[in-house]
Every structure is written in structure tokens, then in C-alpha cells.
PDB file of N, CA and C in Angstrom:
ATOM      1  N   MET A   1       0.839  -1.195   0.000  1.00  0.00           N
ATOM      2  CA  MET A   1       0.000   0.000   0.000  1.00  0.00           C
ATOM      3  C   MET A   1       0.876   1.247   0.000  1.00  0.00           C
ATOM      4  N   LEU A   2       0.371   2.289  -0.569  1.00  0.00           N
ATOM      5  CA  LEU A   2       1.120   3.531  -0.683  1.00  0.00           C
ATOM      6  C   LEU A   2       1.181   4.285   0.636  1.00  0.00           C
ATOM      7  N   LEU A   3       0.125   4.265   1.404  1.00  0.00           N
ATOM      8  CA  LEU A   3       0.057   5.052   2.631  1.00  0.00           C
ATOM      9  C   LEU A   3       1.116   4.669   3.661  1.00  0.00           C
ATOM     10  N   PRO A   4       1.312   3.376   3.981  1.00  0.00           N
ATOM     11  CA  PRO A   4       2.355   3.051   4.966  1.00  0.00           C
ATOM     12  C   PRO A   4       3.752   3.456   4.508  1.00  0.00           C
ATOM     13  N   HIS A   5       4.038   3.341   3.207  1.00  0.00           N
ATOM     14  CA  HIS A   5       5.356   3.724   2.715  1.00  0.00           C
ATOM     15  C   HIS A   5       5.561   5.224   2.809  1.00  0.00           C
ATOM     16  N   SER A   6       4.517   5.996   2.560  1.00  0.00           N
ATOM     17  CA  SER A   6       4.660   7.451   2.612  1.00  0.00           C
ATOM     18  C   SER A   6       4.848   7.923   4.047  1.00  0.00           C
ATOM     19  N   ARG A   7       4.316   7.212   5.011  1.00  0.00           N
ATOM     20  CA  ARG A   7       4.495   7.590   6.412  1.00  0.00           C
ATOM     21  C   ARG A   7       5.913   7.288   6.890  1.00  0.00           C
ATOM     22  N   GLN A   8       6.568   6.318   6.273  1.00  0.00           N
ATOM     23  CA  GLN A   8       7.916   5.948   6.680  1.00  0.00           C
ATOM     24  C   GLN A   8       8.970   6.834   6.026  1.00  0.00           C
ATOM     25  N   ALA A   9       8.598   7.557   4.994  1.00  0.00           N
ATOM     26  CA  ALA A   9       9.563   8.394   4.281  1.00  0.00           C
ATOM     27  C   ALA A   9       9.966   9.585   5.143  1.00  0.00           C
ATOM     28  N   ARG A  10      11.248   9.925   5.082  1.00  0.00           N
ATOM     29  CA  ARG A  10      11.735  11.080   5.827  1.00  0.00           C
ATOM     30  C   ARG A  10      11.665  12.312   4.938  1.00  0.00           C
ATOM     31  N   LEU A  11      11.255  13.420   5.519  1.00  0.00           N
ATOM     32  CA  LEU A  11      11.175  14.670   4.775  1.00  0.00           C
ATOM     33  C   LEU A  11      12.497  15.404   4.891  1.00  0.00           C
ATOM     34  N   SER A  12      13.068  15.760   3.762  1.00  0.00           N
ATOM     35  CA  SER A  12      14.352  16.456   3.775  1.00  0.00           C
ATOM     36  C   SER A  12      14.208  17.935   3.430  1.00  0.00           C
ATOM     37  N   GLY A  13      13.053  18.338   2.910  1.00  0.00           N
ATOM     38  CA  GLY A  13      12.852  19.721   2.527  1.00  0.00           C
ATOM     39  C   GLY A  13      13.440  20.058   1.169  1.00  0.00           C
ATOM     40  N   ILE A  14      13.957  19.066   0.460  1.00  0.00           N
ATOM     41  CA  ILE A  14      14.557  19.285  -0.855  1.00  0.00           C
ATOM     42  C   ILE A  14      13.673  18.616  -1.901  1.00  0.00           C
ATOM     43  N   ALA A  15      13.322  19.367  -2.930  1.00  0.00           N
ATOM     44  CA  ALA A  15      12.507  18.818  -4.005  1.00  0.00           C
ATOM     45  C   ALA A  15      13.247  18.989  -5.325  1.00  0.00           C
ATOM     46  N   PHE A  16      13.177  17.971  -6.161  1.00  0.00           N
ATOM     47  CA  PHE A  16      13.820  18.012  -7.465  1.00  0.00           C
ATOM     48  C   PHE A  16      12.753  18.095  -8.548  1.00  0.00           C
ATOM     49  N   VAL A  17      12.956  18.985  -9.495  1.00  0.00           N
ATOM     50  CA  VAL A  17      12.028  19.148 -10.608  1.00  0.00           C
ATOM     51  C   VAL A  17      12.782  18.854 -11.897  1.00  0.00           C
ATOM     52  N   ASP A  18      12.252  17.918 -12.664  1.00  0.00           N
ATOM     53  CA  ASP A  18      12.866  17.567 -13.938  1.00  0.00           C
ATOM     54  C   ASP A  18      12.326  18.505 -15.010  1.00  0.00           C
ATOM     55  N   SER A  19      13.205  19.265 -15.639  1.00  0.00           N
ATOM     56  CA  SER A  19      12.769  20.243 -16.636  1.00  0.00           C
ATOM     57  C   SER A  19      12.897  19.723 -18.064  1.00  0.00           C
ATOM     58  N   SER A  20      13.143  18.434 -18.234  1.00  0.00           N
ATOM     59  CA  SER A  20      13.276  17.896 -19.587  1.00  0.00           C
ATOM     60  C   SER A  20      11.911  17.831 -20.271  1.00  0.00           C
ATOM     61  N   LYS A  21      11.919  17.953 -21.597  1.00  0.00           N
ATOM     62  CA  LYS A  21      10.682  17.934 -22.363  1.00  0.00           C
ATOM     63  C   LYS A  21      10.142  16.509 -22.447  1.00  0.00           C
ATOM     64  N   LEU A  22       8.830  16.388 -22.329  1.00  0.00           N
ATOM     65  CA  LEU A  22       8.171  15.111 -22.510  1.00  0.00           C
ATOM     66  C   LEU A  22       7.242  15.222 -23.711  1.00  0.00           C
ATOM     67  N   GLN A  23       7.361  14.267 -24.621  1.00  0.00           N
ATOM     68  CA  GLN A  23       6.477  14.263 -25.779  1.00  0.00           C
ATOM     69  C   GLN A  23       5.157  13.635 -25.355  1.00  0.00           C
ATOM     70  N   VAL A  24       4.113  14.448 -25.273  1.00  0.00           N
ATOM     71  CA  VAL A  24       2.828  13.981 -24.762  1.00  0.00           C
ATOM     72  C   VAL A  24       2.125  13.101 -25.781  1.00  0.00           C
ATOM     73  N   CYS A  25       2.073  13.548 -27.004  1.00  0.00           N
ATOM     74  CA  CYS A  25       1.445  12.745 -28.045  1.00  0.00           C
ATOM     75  C   CYS A  25       2.183  12.974 -29.358  1.00  0.00           C
ATOM     76  N   HIS A  26       1.931  12.141 -30.308  1.00  0.00           N
ATOM     77  CA  HIS A  26       2.598  12.244 -31.599  1.00  0.00           C
ATOM     78  C   HIS A  26       2.252  13.577 -32.252  1.00  0.00           C
ATOM     79  N   ASN A  27       3.225  14.220 -32.872  1.00  0.00           N
ATOM     80  CA  ASN A  27       3.032  15.546 -33.455  1.00  0.00           C
ATOM     81  C   ASN A  27       1.910  15.585 -34.494  1.00  0.00           C
ATOM     82  N   LEU A  28       1.722  14.511 -35.244  1.00  0.00           N
ATOM     83  CA  LEU A  28       0.671  14.496 -36.257  1.00  0.00           C
ATOM     84  C   LEU A  28      -0.716  14.477 -35.630  1.00  0.00           C
ATOM     85  N   ARG A  29      -0.823  14.024 -34.381  1.00  0.00           N
ATOM     86  CA  ARG A  29      -2.114  13.942 -33.710  1.00  0.00           C
ATOM     87  C   ARG A  29      -2.515  15.269 -33.078  1.00  0.00           C
ATOM     88  N   ILE A  30      -1.603  16.223 -32.968  1.00  0.00           N
ATOM     89  CA  ILE A  30      -1.910  17.496 -32.320  1.00  0.00           C
ATOM     90  C   ILE A  30      -3.039  18.219 -33.052  1.00  0.00           C
ATOM     91  N   LEU A  31      -3.025  18.157 -34.380  1.00  0.00           N
ATOM     92  CA  LEU A  31      -4.051  18.850 -35.153  1.00  0.00           C
ATOM     93  C   LEU A  31      -5.436  18.242 -34.962  1.00  0.00           C
ATOM     94  N   ARG A  32      -5.493  16.980 -34.567  1.00  0.00           N
ATOM     95  CA  ARG A  32      -6.782  16.311 -34.393  1.00  0.00           C
ATOM     96  C   ARG A  32      -7.366  16.505 -33.002  1.00  0.00           C
ATOM     97  N   HIS A  33      -6.551  16.847 -32.013  1.00  0.00           N
ATOM     98  CA  HIS A  33      -7.019  16.980 -30.636  1.00  0.00           C
ATOM     99  C   HIS A  33      -7.590  18.365 -30.385  1.00  0.00           C
ATOM    100  N   GLN A  34      -8.760  18.430 -29.787  1.00  0.00           N
ATOM    101  CA  GLN A  34      -9.390  19.710 -29.474  1.00  0.00           C
ATOM    102  C   GLN A  34      -8.644  20.448 -28.365  1.00  0.00           C
ATOM    103  N   ILE A  35      -7.925  19.736 -27.526  1.00  0.00           N
ATOM    104  CA  ILE A  35      -7.226  20.368 -26.411  1.00  0.00           C
ATOM    105  C   ILE A  35      -6.124  21.306 -26.906  1.00  0.00           C
ATOM    106  N   PHE A  36      -5.584  21.044 -28.097  1.00  0.00           N
ATOM    107  CA  PHE A  36      -4.526  21.873 -28.649  1.00  0.00           C
ATOM    108  C   PHE A  36      -5.075  22.957 -29.583  1.00  0.00           C
ATOM    109  N   LYS A  37      -6.401  23.036 -29.721  1.00  0.00           N
ATOM    110  CA  LYS A  37      -7.008  23.989 -30.640  1.00  0.00           C
ATOM    111  C   LYS A  37      -6.737  25.418 -30.173  1.00  0.00           C
ATOM    112  N   GLY A  38      -6.260  26.251 -31.084  1.00  0.00           N
ATOM    113  CA  GLY A  38      -6.003  27.646 -30.775  1.00  0.00           C
ATOM    114  C   GLY A  38      -4.611  27.927 -30.254  1.00  0.00           C
ATOM    115  N   THR A  39      -3.742  26.919 -30.236  1.00  0.00           N
ATOM    116  CA  THR A  39      -2.371  27.157 -29.771  1.00  0.00           C
ATOM    117  C   THR A  39      -1.422  27.221 -30.933  1.00  0.00           C
TER     118      THR A  39
END
């Protein structure tokens, strides 16, 4: 279970953010998706 493991984790106050690009969907599909309309 996720809950017991999260309670055992120690908090260090340091967070890492990955700034690398992620390809969400194939470029040819962008024109078909309404979510990308107007961008």
C-alpha cells in the first residue's frame, strides 16, 4: 500500500524538478485533438 510507505519516508525539505521535455502525443495527432485547438 502507498500510505504506509509514505508515512515511513523522511522529509528532507529538498525537491527536485525535472525540466526535460516530454512528448505527450505524436506531433501528427496534435491537429486532431481539441485540447490543442487555438495554440
